[in-house]
Amino acid sequence: WILRQPGVTAPIFGTTKLEHLDDA
């Protein structure tokens, strides 16, 4: 959803697990 918003370049996401990074 946020990647689709006009003007958004790159959301900054944090992660503590490899599977969460793969999800992103």
mmCIF file of all heavy atoms, coordinates in Angstrom:
data_MODEL
# 
_entry.id   MODEL 
# 
loop_
_atom_site.group_PDB 
_atom_site.id 
_atom_site.type_symbol 
_atom_site.label_atom_id 
_atom_site.label_alt_id 
_atom_site.label_comp_id 
_atom_site.label_asym_id 
_atom_site.label_entity_id 
_atom_site.label_seq_id 
_atom_site.pdbx_PDB_ins_code 
_atom_site.Cartn_x 
_atom_site.Cartn_y 
_atom_site.Cartn_z 
_atom_site.occupancy 
_atom_site.B_iso_or_equiv 
_atom_site.pdbx_formal_charge 
_atom_site.auth_seq_id 
_atom_site.auth_comp_id 
_atom_site.auth_asym_id 
_atom_site.auth_atom_id 
_atom_site.pdbx_PDB_model_num 
ATOM 1   N N   . TRP A 1 1  ? 0.835  -1.212  0.000  1.00 0.00 ? 1  TRP A N   1 
ATOM 2   C CA  . TRP A 1 1  ? 0.000  0.000   0.000  1.00 0.00 ? 1  TRP A CA  1 
ATOM 3   C C   . TRP A 1 1  ? 0.865  1.256   0.000  1.00 0.00 ? 1  TRP A C   1 
ATOM 4   O O   . TRP A 1 1  ? 0.635  2.172   -0.792 1.00 0.00 ? 1  TRP A O   1 
ATOM 5   C CB  . TRP A 1 1  ? -0.923 -0.002  1.220  1.00 0.00 ? 1  TRP A CB  1 
ATOM 6   C CG  . TRP A 1 1  ? -1.731 1.255   1.328  1.00 0.00 ? 1  TRP A CG  1 
ATOM 7   C CD1 . TRP A 1 1  ? -2.925 1.520   0.710  1.00 0.00 ? 1  TRP A CD1 1 
ATOM 8   C CD2 . TRP A 1 1  ? -1.377 2.437   2.063  1.00 0.00 ? 1  TRP A CD2 1 
ATOM 9   N NE1 . TRP A 1 1  ? -3.346 2.795   1.012  1.00 0.00 ? 1  TRP A NE1 1 
ATOM 10  C CE2 . TRP A 1 1  ? -2.412 3.386   1.840  1.00 0.00 ? 1  TRP A CE2 1 
ATOM 11  C CE3 . TRP A 1 1  ? -0.315 2.787   2.869  1.00 0.00 ? 1  TRP A CE3 1 
ATOM 12  C CZ2 . TRP A 1 1  ? -2.394 4.654   2.410  1.00 0.00 ? 1  TRP A CZ2 1 
ATOM 13  C CZ3 . TRP A 1 1  ? -0.283 4.046   3.445  1.00 0.00 ? 1  TRP A CZ3 1 
ATOM 14  C CH2 . TRP A 1 1  ? -1.309 4.973   3.216  1.00 0.00 ? 1  TRP A CH2 1 
ATOM 15  N N   . ILE A 1 2  ? 1.866  1.316   0.876  1.00 0.00 ? 2  ILE A N   1 
ATOM 16  C CA  . ILE A 1 2  ? 2.656  2.543   0.969  1.00 0.00 ? 2  ILE A CA  1 
ATOM 17  C C   . ILE A 1 2  ? 3.539  2.737   -0.267 1.00 0.00 ? 2  ILE A C   1 
ATOM 18  O O   . ILE A 1 2  ? 3.779  3.867   -0.704 1.00 0.00 ? 2  ILE A O   1 
ATOM 19  C CB  . ILE A 1 2  ? 3.484  2.570   2.268  1.00 0.00 ? 2  ILE A CB  1 
ATOM 20  C CG1 . ILE A 1 2  ? 3.852  4.015   2.622  1.00 0.00 ? 2  ILE A CG1 1 
ATOM 21  C CG2 . ILE A 1 2  ? 4.729  1.700   2.179  1.00 0.00 ? 2  ILE A CG2 1 
ATOM 22  C CD1 . ILE A 1 2  ? 4.412  4.189   4.013  1.00 0.00 ? 2  ILE A CD1 1 
ATOM 23  N N   . LEU A 1 3  ? 3.989  1.635   -0.873 1.00 0.00 ? 3  LEU A N   1 
ATOM 24  C CA  . LEU A 1 3  ? 4.780  1.745   -2.091 1.00 0.00 ? 3  LEU A CA  1 
ATOM 25  C C   . LEU A 1 3  ? 3.964  2.319   -3.245 1.00 0.00 ? 3  LEU A C   1 
ATOM 26  O O   . LEU A 1 3  ? 4.519  2.879   -4.189 1.00 0.00 ? 3  LEU A O   1 
ATOM 27  C CB  . LEU A 1 3  ? 5.335  0.368   -2.477 1.00 0.00 ? 3  LEU A CB  1 
ATOM 28  C CG  . LEU A 1 3  ? 6.504  -0.140  -1.633 1.00 0.00 ? 3  LEU A CG  1 
ATOM 29  C CD1 . LEU A 1 3  ? 6.663  -1.656  -1.786 1.00 0.00 ? 3  LEU A CD1 1 
ATOM 30  C CD2 . LEU A 1 3  ? 7.789  0.573   -2.028 1.00 0.00 ? 3  LEU A CD2 1 
ATOM 31  N N   . ARG A 1 4  ? 2.663  2.186   -3.153 1.00 0.00 ? 4  ARG A N   1 
ATOM 32  C CA  . ARG A 1 4  ? 1.766  2.671   -4.203 1.00 0.00 ? 4  ARG A CA  1 
ATOM 33  C C   . ARG A 1 4  ? 1.446  4.165   -4.050 1.00 0.00 ? 4  ARG A C   1 
ATOM 34  O O   . ARG A 1 4  ? 0.953  4.799   -4.996 1.00 0.00 ? 4  ARG A O   1 
ATOM 35  C CB  . ARG A 1 4  ? 0.474  1.840   -4.139 1.00 0.00 ? 4  ARG A CB  1 
ATOM 36  C CG  . ARG A 1 4  ? -0.652 2.274   -5.054 1.00 0.00 ? 4  ARG A CG  1 
ATOM 37  C CD  . ARG A 1 4  ? -1.886 1.443   -4.770 1.00 0.00 ? 4  ARG A CD  1 
ATOM 38  N NE  . ARG A 1 4  ? -3.085 2.087   -5.308 1.00 0.00 ? 4  ARG A NE  1 
ATOM 39  C CZ  . ARG A 1 4  ? -3.879 1.550   -6.218 1.00 0.00 ? 4  ARG A CZ  1 
ATOM 40  N NH1 . ARG A 1 4  ? -3.613 0.357   -6.700 1.00 0.00 ? 4  ARG A NH1 1 
ATOM 41  N NH2 . ARG A 1 4  ? -4.955 2.191   -6.637 1.00 0.00 ? 4  ARG A NH2 1 
ATOM 42  N N   . GLN A 1 5  ? 1.744  4.751   -2.908 1.00 0.00 ? 5  GLN A N   1 
ATOM 43  C CA  . GLN A 1 5  ? 1.347  6.133   -2.646 1.00 0.00 ? 5  GLN A CA  1 
ATOM 44  C C   . GLN A 1 5  ? 2.204  7.113   -3.445 1.00 0.00 ? 5  GLN A C   1 
ATOM 45  O O   . GLN A 1 5  ? 3.426  6.978   -3.490 1.00 0.00 ? 5  GLN A O   1 
ATOM 46  C CB  . GLN A 1 5  ? 1.437  6.442   -1.153 1.00 0.00 ? 5  GLN A CB  1 
ATOM 47  C CG  . GLN A 1 5  ? 0.569  5.544   -0.295 1.00 0.00 ? 5  GLN A CG  1 
ATOM 48  C CD  . GLN A 1 5  ? -0.849 5.411   -0.826 1.00 0.00 ? 5  GLN A CD  1 
ATOM 49  O OE1 . GLN A 1 5  ? -1.574 6.398   -0.973 1.00 0.00 ? 5  GLN A OE1 1 
ATOM 50  N NE2 . GLN A 1 5  ? -1.263 4.179   -1.121 1.00 0.00 ? 5  GLN A NE2 1 
ATOM 51  N N   . PRO A 1 6  ? 1.596  8.116   -4.061 1.00 0.00 ? 6  PRO A N   1 
ATOM 52  C CA  . PRO A 1 6  ? 2.330  9.058   -4.905 1.00 0.00 ? 6  PRO A CA  1 
ATOM 53  C C   . PRO A 1 6  ? 3.436  9.770   -4.145 1.00 0.00 ? 6  PRO A C   1 
ATOM 54  O O   . PRO A 1 6  ? 3.227  10.268  -3.037 1.00 0.00 ? 6  PRO A O   1 
ATOM 55  C CB  . PRO A 1 6  ? 1.242  10.051  -5.350 1.00 0.00 ? 6  PRO A CB  1 
ATOM 56  C CG  . PRO A 1 6  ? -0.048 9.319   -5.196 1.00 0.00 ? 6  PRO A CG  1 
ATOM 57  C CD  . PRO A 1 6  ? 0.140  8.393   -4.035 1.00 0.00 ? 6  PRO A CD  1 
ATOM 58  N N   . GLY A 1 7  ? 4.610  9.786   -4.717 1.00 0.00 ? 7  GLY A N   1 
ATOM 59  C CA  . GLY A 1 7  ? 5.736  10.508  -4.134 1.00 0.00 ? 7  GLY A CA  1 
ATOM 60  C C   . GLY A 1 7  ? 6.613  9.699   -3.212 1.00 0.00 ? 7  GLY A C   1 
ATOM 61  O O   . GLY A 1 7  ? 7.717  10.136  -2.859 1.00 0.00 ? 7  GLY A O   1 
ATOM 62  N N   . VAL A 1 8  ? 6.159  8.513   -2.785 1.00 0.00 ? 8  VAL A N   1 
ATOM 63  C CA  . VAL A 1 8  ? 6.965  7.699   -1.874 1.00 0.00 ? 8  VAL A CA  1 
ATOM 64  C C   . VAL A 1 8  ? 8.105  7.051   -2.655 1.00 0.00 ? 8  VAL A C   1 
ATOM 65  O O   . VAL A 1 8  ? 7.878  6.340   -3.633 1.00 0.00 ? 8  VAL A O   1 
ATOM 66  C CB  . VAL A 1 8  ? 6.110  6.634   -1.168 1.00 0.00 ? 8  VAL A CB  1 
ATOM 67  C CG1 . VAL A 1 8  ? 6.991  5.648   -0.405 1.00 0.00 ? 8  VAL A CG1 1 
ATOM 68  C CG2 . VAL A 1 8  ? 5.124  7.294   -0.219 1.00 0.00 ? 8  VAL A CG2 1 
ATOM 69  N N   . THR A 1 9  ? 9.331  7.281   -2.193 1.00 0.00 ? 9  THR A N   1 
ATOM 70  C CA  . THR A 1 9  ? 10.516 6.747   -2.862 1.00 0.00 ? 9  THR A CA  1 
ATOM 71  C C   . THR A 1 9  ? 10.880 5.376   -2.322 1.00 0.00 ? 9  THR A C   1 
ATOM 72  O O   . THR A 1 9  ? 10.965 4.395   -3.068 1.00 0.00 ? 9  THR A O   1 
ATOM 73  C CB  . THR A 1 9  ? 11.720 7.696   -2.667 1.00 0.00 ? 9  THR A CB  1 
ATOM 74  O OG1 . THR A 1 9  ? 11.389 8.982   -3.181 1.00 0.00 ? 9  THR A OG1 1 
ATOM 75  C CG2 . THR A 1 9  ? 12.955 7.164   -3.386 1.00 0.00 ? 9  THR A CG2 1 
ATOM 76  N N   . ALA A 1 10 ? 11.116 5.288   -1.008 1.00 0.00 ? 10 ALA A N   1 
ATOM 77  C CA  . ALA A 1 10 ? 11.574 4.034   -0.412 1.00 0.00 ? 10 ALA A CA  1 
ATOM 78  C C   . ALA A 1 10 ? 11.208 4.007   1.065  1.00 0.00 ? 10 ALA A C   1 
ATOM 79  O O   . ALA A 1 10 ? 11.821 4.723   1.863  1.00 0.00 ? 10 ALA A O   1 
ATOM 80  C CB  . ALA A 1 10 ? 13.080 3.872   -0.573 1.00 0.00 ? 10 ALA A CB  1 
ATOM 81  N N   . PRO A 1 11 ? 10.223 3.216   1.466  1.00 0.00 ? 11 PRO A N   1 
ATOM 82  C CA  . PRO A 1 11 ? 9.919  3.086   2.894  1.00 0.00 ? 11 PRO A CA  1 
ATOM 83  C C   . PRO A 1 11 ? 11.112 2.501   3.645  1.00 0.00 ? 11 PRO A C   1 
ATOM 84  O O   . PRO A 1 11 ? 11.806 1.622   3.127  1.00 0.00 ? 11 PRO A O   1 
ATOM 85  C CB  . PRO A 1 11 ? 8.730  2.118   2.922  1.00 0.00 ? 11 PRO A CB  1 
ATOM 86  C CG  . PRO A 1 11 ? 8.228  2.032   1.520  1.00 0.00 ? 11 PRO A CG  1 
ATOM 87  C CD  . PRO A 1 11 ? 9.357  2.372   0.626  1.00 0.00 ? 11 PRO A CD  1 
ATOM 88  N N   . ILE A 1 12 ? 11.333 2.986   4.870  1.00 0.00 ? 12 ILE A N   1 
ATOM 89  C CA  . ILE A 1 12 ? 12.417 2.481   5.708  1.00 0.00 ? 12 ILE A CA  1 
ATOM 90  C C   . ILE A 1 12 ? 11.832 1.456   6.668  1.00 0.00 ? 12 ILE A C   1 
ATOM 91  O O   . ILE A 1 12 ? 11.085 1.804   7.581  1.00 0.00 ? 12 ILE A O   1 
ATOM 92  C CB  . ILE A 1 12 ? 13.083 3.625   6.488  1.00 0.00 ? 12 ILE A CB  1 
ATOM 93  C CG1 . ILE A 1 12 ? 13.638 4.676   5.526  1.00 0.00 ? 12 ILE A CG1 1 
ATOM 94  C CG2 . ILE A 1 12 ? 14.193 3.090   7.389  1.00 0.00 ? 12 ILE A CG2 1 
ATOM 95  C CD1 . ILE A 1 12 ? 14.102 5.938   6.210  1.00 0.00 ? 12 ILE A CD1 1 
ATOM 96  N N   . PHE A 1 13 ? 12.152 0.202   6.456  1.00 0.00 ? 13 PHE A N   1 
ATOM 97  C CA  . PHE A 1 13 ? 11.590 -0.855  7.305  1.00 0.00 ? 13 PHE A CA  1 
ATOM 98  C C   . PHE A 1 13 ? 12.694 -1.461  8.165  1.00 0.00 ? 13 PHE A C   1 
ATOM 99  O O   . PHE A 1 13 ? 13.851 -1.557  7.781  1.00 0.00 ? 13 PHE A O   1 
ATOM 100 C CB  . PHE A 1 13 ? 10.932 -1.951  6.453  1.00 0.00 ? 13 PHE A CB  1 
ATOM 101 C CG  . PHE A 1 13 ? 11.909 -2.867  5.748  1.00 0.00 ? 13 PHE A CG  1 
ATOM 102 C CD1 . PHE A 1 13 ? 12.201 -4.120  6.273  1.00 0.00 ? 13 PHE A CD1 1 
ATOM 103 C CD2 . PHE A 1 13 ? 12.545 -2.476  4.582  1.00 0.00 ? 13 PHE A CD2 1 
ATOM 104 C CE1 . PHE A 1 13 ? 13.098 -4.961  5.639  1.00 0.00 ? 13 PHE A CE1 1 
ATOM 105 C CE2 . PHE A 1 13 ? 13.456 -3.308  3.943  1.00 0.00 ? 13 PHE A CE2 1 
ATOM 106 C CZ  . PHE A 1 13 ? 13.730 -4.559  4.466  1.00 0.00 ? 13 PHE A CZ  1 
ATOM 107 N N   . GLY A 1 14 ? 12.319 -1.855  9.371  1.00 0.00 ? 14 GLY A N   1 
ATOM 108 C CA  . GLY A 1 14 ? 13.237 -2.549  10.259 1.00 0.00 ? 14 GLY A CA  1 
ATOM 109 C C   . GLY A 1 14 ? 12.845 -4.009  10.365 1.00 0.00 ? 14 GLY A C   1 
ATOM 110 O O   . GLY A 1 14 ? 11.693 -4.374  10.103 1.00 0.00 ? 14 GLY A O   1 
ATOM 111 N N   . THR A 1 15 ? 13.791 -4.840  10.740 1.00 0.00 ? 15 THR A N   1 
ATOM 112 C CA  . THR A 1 15 ? 13.494 -6.263  10.840 1.00 0.00 ? 15 THR A CA  1 
ATOM 113 C C   . THR A 1 15 ? 14.388 -6.920  11.878 1.00 0.00 ? 15 THR A C   1 
ATOM 114 O O   . THR A 1 15 ? 15.522 -6.481  12.116 1.00 0.00 ? 15 THR A O   1 
ATOM 115 C CB  . THR A 1 15 ? 13.683 -6.963  9.473  1.00 0.00 ? 15 THR A CB  1 
ATOM 116 O OG1 . THR A 1 15 ? 13.344 -8.353  9.590  1.00 0.00 ? 15 THR A OG1 1 
ATOM 117 C CG2 . THR A 1 15 ? 15.121 -6.844  8.993  1.00 0.00 ? 15 THR A CG2 1 
ATOM 118 N N   . THR A 1 16 ? 13.885 -7.972  12.503 1.00 0.00 ? 16 THR A N   1 
ATOM 119 C CA  . THR A 1 16 ? 14.678 -8.759  13.448 1.00 0.00 ? 16 THR A CA  1 
ATOM 120 C C   . THR A 1 16 ? 14.744 -10.225 13.040 1.00 0.00 ? 16 THR A C   1 
ATOM 121 O O   . THR A 1 16 ? 15.371 -11.023 13.730 1.00 0.00 ? 16 THR A O   1 
ATOM 122 C CB  . THR A 1 16 ? 14.083 -8.674  14.871 1.00 0.00 ? 16 THR A CB  1 
ATOM 123 O OG1 . THR A 1 16 ? 12.702 -9.098  14.834 1.00 0.00 ? 16 THR A OG1 1 
ATOM 124 C CG2 . THR A 1 16 ? 14.158 -7.249  15.413 1.00 0.00 ? 16 THR A CG2 1 
ATOM 125 N N   . LYS A 1 17 ? 14.106 -10.578 11.915 1.00 0.00 ? 17 LYS A N   1 
ATOM 126 C CA  . LYS A 1 17 ? 14.105 -11.960 11.452 1.00 0.00 ? 17 LYS A CA  1 
ATOM 127 C C   . LYS A 1 17 ? 14.281 -12.006 9.941  1.00 0.00 ? 17 LYS A C   1 
ATOM 128 O O   . LYS A 1 17 ? 13.771 -11.137 9.220  1.00 0.00 ? 17 LYS A O   1 
ATOM 129 C CB  . LYS A 1 17 ? 12.798 -12.663 11.840 1.00 0.00 ? 17 LYS A CB  1 
ATOM 130 C CG  . LYS A 1 17 ? 12.573 -12.795 13.337 1.00 0.00 ? 17 LYS A CG  1 
ATOM 131 C CD  . LYS A 1 17 ? 11.274 -13.515 13.638 1.00 0.00 ? 17 LYS A CD  1 
ATOM 132 C CE  . LYS A 1 17 ? 11.059 -13.649 15.152 1.00 0.00 ? 17 LYS A CE  1 
ATOM 133 N NZ  . LYS A 1 17 ? 9.773  -14.327 15.453 1.00 0.00 ? 17 LYS A NZ  1 
ATOM 134 N N   . LEU A 1 18 ? 14.974 -13.033 9.446  1.00 0.00 ? 18 LEU A N   1 
ATOM 135 C CA  . LEU A 1 18 ? 15.209 -13.161 8.014  1.00 0.00 ? 18 LEU A CA  1 
ATOM 136 C C   . LEU A 1 18 ? 13.899 -13.275 7.242  1.00 0.00 ? 18 LEU A C   1 
ATOM 137 O O   . LEU A 1 18 ? 13.762 -12.713 6.153  1.00 0.00 ? 18 LEU A O   1 
ATOM 138 C CB  . LEU A 1 18 ? 16.093 -14.381 7.740  1.00 0.00 ? 18 LEU A CB  1 
ATOM 139 C CG  . LEU A 1 18 ? 17.565 -14.256 8.146  1.00 0.00 ? 18 LEU A CG  1 
ATOM 140 C CD1 . LEU A 1 18 ? 18.275 -15.610 7.998  1.00 0.00 ? 18 LEU A CD1 1 
ATOM 141 C CD2 . LEU A 1 18 ? 18.270 -13.198 7.313  1.00 0.00 ? 18 LEU A CD2 1 
ATOM 142 N N   . GLU A 1 19 ? 12.922 -13.988 7.805  1.00 0.00 ? 19 GLU A N   1 
ATOM 143 C CA  . GLU A 1 19 ? 11.664 -14.155 7.078  1.00 0.00 ? 19 GLU A CA  1 
ATOM 144 C C   . GLU A 1 19 ? 10.911 -12.836 6.946  1.00 0.00 ? 19 GLU A C   1 
ATOM 145 O O   . GLU A 1 19 ? 10.200 -12.615 5.958  1.00 0.00 ? 19 GLU A O   1 
ATOM 146 C CB  . GLU A 1 19 ? 10.770 -15.211 7.742  1.00 0.00 ? 19 GLU A CB  1 
ATOM 147 C CG  . GLU A 1 19 ? 10.477 -14.981 9.211  1.00 0.00 ? 19 GLU A CG  1 
ATOM 148 C CD  . GLU A 1 19 ? 11.410 -15.736 10.130 1.00 0.00 ? 19 GLU A CD  1 
ATOM 149 O OE1 . GLU A 1 19 ? 12.596 -15.868 9.789  1.00 0.00 ? 19 GLU A OE1 1 
ATOM 150 O OE2 . GLU A 1 19 ? 10.941 -16.212 11.195 1.00 0.00 ? 19 GLU A OE2 1 
ATOM 151 N N   . HIS A 1 20 ? 11.077 -11.943 7.913  1.00 0.00 ? 20 HIS A N   1 
ATOM 152 C CA  . HIS A 1 20 ? 10.434 -10.639 7.811  1.00 0.00 ? 20 HIS A CA  1 
ATOM 153 C C   . HIS A 1 20 ? 11.087 -9.805  6.711  1.00 0.00 ? 20 HIS A C   1 
ATOM 154 O O   . HIS A 1 20 ? 10.415 -9.060  5.992  1.00 0.00 ? 20 HIS A O   1 
ATOM 155 C CB  . HIS A 1 20 ? 10.518 -9.903  9.143  1.00 0.00 ? 20 HIS A CB  1 
ATOM 156 C CG  . HIS A 1 20 ? 9.747  -10.561 10.233 1.00 0.00 ? 20 HIS A CG  1 
ATOM 157 N ND1 . HIS A 1 20 ? 9.892  -10.226 11.566 1.00 0.00 ? 20 HIS A ND1 1 
ATOM 158 C CD2 . HIS A 1 20 ? 8.811  -11.559 10.196 1.00 0.00 ? 20 HIS A CD2 1 
ATOM 159 C CE1 . HIS A 1 20 ? 9.081  -10.979 12.294 1.00 0.00 ? 20 HIS A CE1 1 
ATOM 160 N NE2 . HIS A 1 20 ? 8.430  -11.799 11.482 1.00 0.00 ? 20 HIS A NE2 1 
ATOM 161 N N   . LEU A 1 21 ? 12.400 -9.922  6.579  1.00 0.00 ? 21 LEU A N   1 
ATOM 162 C CA  . LEU A 1 21 ? 13.090 -9.220  5.499  1.00 0.00 ? 21 LEU A CA  1 
ATOM 163 C C   . LEU A 1 21 ? 12.635 -9.753  4.143  1.00 0.00 ? 21 LEU A C   1 
ATOM 164 O O   . LEU A 1 21 ? 12.374 -8.983  3.215  1.00 0.00 ? 21 LEU A O   1 
ATOM 165 C CB  . LEU A 1 21 ? 14.601 -9.373  5.670  1.00 0.00 ? 21 LEU A CB  1 
ATOM 166 C CG  . LEU A 1 21 ? 15.487 -8.444  4.829  1.00 0.00 ? 21 LEU A CG  1 
ATOM 167 C CD1 . LEU A 1 21 ? 16.815 -8.211  5.530  1.00 0.00 ? 21 LEU A CD1 1 
ATOM 168 C CD2 . LEU A 1 21 ? 15.747 -9.002  3.438  1.00 0.00 ? 21 LEU A CD2 1 
ATOM 169 N N   . ASP A 1 22 ? 12.520 -11.073 4.038  1.00 0.00 ? 22 ASP A N   1 
ATOM 170 C CA  . ASP A 1 22 ? 12.061 -11.666 2.782  1.00 0.00 ? 22 ASP A CA  1 
ATOM 171 C C   . ASP A 1 22 ? 10.633 -11.233 2.461  1.00 0.00 ? 22 ASP A C   1 
ATOM 172 O O   . ASP A 1 22 ? 10.277 -11.029 1.296  1.00 0.00 ? 22 ASP A O   1 
ATOM 173 C CB  . ASP A 1 22 ? 12.138 -13.194 2.865  1.00 0.00 ? 22 ASP A CB  1 
ATOM 174 C CG  . ASP A 1 22 ? 13.579 -13.693 2.966  1.00 0.00 ? 22 ASP A CG  1 
ATOM 175 O OD1 . ASP A 1 22 ? 14.500 -12.939 2.581  1.00 0.00 ? 22 ASP A OD1 1 
ATOM 176 O OD2 . ASP A 1 22 ? 13.775 -14.827 3.440  1.00 0.00 ? 22 ASP A OD2 1 
ATOM 177 N N   . ASP A 1 23 ? 9.799  -11.099 3.500  1.00 0.00 ? 23 ASP A N   1 
ATOM 178 C CA  . ASP A 1 23 ? 8.432  -10.598 3.314  1.00 0.00 ? 23 ASP A CA  1 
ATOM 179 C C   . ASP A 1 23 ? 8.444  -9.198  2.709  1.00 0.00 ? 23 ASP A C   1 
ATOM 180 O O   . ASP A 1 23 ? 7.653  -8.881  1.811  1.00 0.00 ? 23 ASP A O   1 
ATOM 181 C CB  . ASP A 1 23 ? 7.706  -10.538 4.662  1.00 0.00 ? 23 ASP A CB  1 
ATOM 182 C CG  . ASP A 1 23 ? 6.894  -11.785 4.934  1.00 0.00 ? 23 ASP A CG  1 
ATOM 183 O OD1 . ASP A 1 23 ? 6.838  -12.662 4.055  1.00 0.00 ? 23 ASP A OD1 1 
ATOM 184 O OD2 . ASP A 1 23 ? 6.309  -11.877 6.024  1.00 0.00 ? 23 ASP A OD2 1 
ATOM 185 N N   . ALA A 1 24 ? 9.315  -8.346  3.237  1.00 0.00 ? 24 ALA A N   1 
ATOM 186 C CA  . ALA A 1 24 ? 9.385  -6.970  2.749  1.00 0.00 ? 24 ALA A CA  1 
ATOM 187 C C   . ALA A 1 24 ? 9.775  -6.938  1.286  1.00 0.00 ? 24 ALA A C   1 
ATOM 188 O O   . ALA A 1 24 ? 9.181  -6.197  0.479  1.00 0.00 ? 24 ALA A O   1 
ATOM 189 C CB  . ALA A 1 24 ? 10.377 -6.169  3.592  1.00 0.00 ? 24 ALA A CB  1 
# 
